[in-house]
Amino acid sequence: MIMTTPNFYEGALNAIHRGLITESDLDRPVRNVLRLKFELGLFEHPRTPDQARIAAAIGTREHTELNLRMARESLVLLRNDGTLPLNTQGSNVSTTAQSFSSVTHDTKPDQQKPIAAASVANQHTIALIGPLADDPKNQLGDWAGGSGQVSWIKEEPRETVVTVRDGLQEALPHNYSLTYAKGANILTLEADPAGATFPDGQPRPPIQTPCAPDPHMINEAADAAANAETTIVVVGDVIELVGEGRSTATLELFGAQTALLEAIAQTCHDNHHPWIVVLMASKPLVLPQCTSQAAAIIWAGNPGMQGGRALAELLLGKIEPQGRLPISFARHSGQLPIYYNQIRGQHGSRYADLTQEPAFSFGEGLSYTHVDYSNPCLSVEGRANDNIHGGRLQDVHMDDILRITVTLHNTGQRPCVETVQVYVRDVVTSVSWADKELKAFQRVPLEIGQEARVSINLPVSNCTIVNAEEKRVVEPGDFDVMVGHSSKPDDLLPVGFTVVAENR
């Protein structure tokens, strides 16, 4: 990040001439910079980037494996009617696909090659549609571009990025072909009418203008969906709409993406084909009403360089969904704020025309199986006999450690990794405070049919509020502990404890 404006040097000299600062005011920071350069030996031995060291440190096998593991564990399955995982049998991988679009598969950013259609007996077809289905740049997210001060690091290492299209082509069985259509454009960039630069000389960013639906592109995508058994649509954000200095007025999908989704929803409904939405976005977008017809929804965030491979593995059931939402998703931008740990009673129970419940809640995320929670209980670590009264653990002290125990049972036909979440509510507080707060979680692997008793420790000292004196304290009184699958009330099992006042 450049920490000086283009007019800094001229402005500094002008400030000296006007008597606003002295030369010694500038000498001090300059002296510090020069001292460090001398200590590093940069004047005696100027160093340029070592290409061999860069190659050895960037994009290594270890980095790639870590990137893939992070992508696998971060994908969040938000809805599934049983369509996922896709039921594909066979181990041979097809590296061919047909394309309904003039957009062709990128082997390198500057080399585009059309993909021939695969001809295999008993052929099945999956349609992959959407502006982000084969977009290596936006898959990486806002902070993945090259630095203006580190020009020797390539901005877009296309050969190291696996898009969703790449990943499916690599992973699909030999008797499956993949059709691809972009379907929609998202935005165009226009010069800011206020001028090319700000008053301090820094360049003004361009204005993002939404693209209108292109009937030809949408028809092309609808044709692909009509001729496929399953359709996957990848939509979301682009880097021009996210990150520093890029607030948006709404959370709706930008450009022609909503029109594309509506067309695919209608086509798949008419042809009785399932369709799947993959949301590739770094913020919680509001999905259009038509996505209520989607068989499955996956939130991928910015899945990184190996994101396409991880998504393909998830879609085909080669890995289990493990991710959980780090933020709640609104049904409508007017519903905001929608974060899970709001102050009690901040908005009442609902809007006049809309529920207060989010579309998807903090901590939410499905797996390909089902896990039952039962028999939650509380105890104090190291205490022989617990005093339970009225369903609450009594006589808890502020320096105690609570043990929350719950039984998990994988009742489905797939293994999973269940994220057990522990929320705490201070029932009566001296100041306004959050209704509940996540205080602990634990990831628990479960085999098919496995039942496990899981214990999580929680120091009482973590159950604090900030009081009127601006001190973080544990107040005596009743607390609710809620353990379960997500922050949704229906997913949580309650237990409670009472903190006694300390004699001081």
Foldseek 3Di string as FASTA:
>chain_A
DDPDAPCRVVVVVVCCVVVVDHVVVVVVVVVVVVVVCVVVVCVVPPDDDDPVVVVVPPPDPVVLVVLLVQLLQAKFWFFAPPCPQPDADAFAAALFAAELEPQAADQDPVDGDHGDHDDDPPAAEEEEEAQQQRDQQQLQAQPQADDPVCVVDHGGPPNLAQGLVNQQNGGHHNRYHYYYAHLWDFWDWDQDPVDQADPSNHGDGTDTDAAAGDVVRLVSSLVSLLPHQEYEYEFEDGNCQDDPPRDDPWQAGGHCVLVSLVSSLVSCVVNVHAYEYEYAYQDQGAYDPSCVSHNIYMYSHSSRRCNSNSVSCRNNVVGKHNHFAQAFHANTRVLPPLGLFDWPPPPHQQDPVGGNHGPGYGLDGDISFDKDKDDKDKDWPPDDDFDADPQATEADEQQIKMKIKIKIWTATQAKYWAKKWKKKADPDDQDTTTRIDTQDIDIHTDGHGDMDIDIDIGRSNSVWDQHPVRDTDRDFFKMKMWIARGSDPVGTDIGIYTYDDDDD
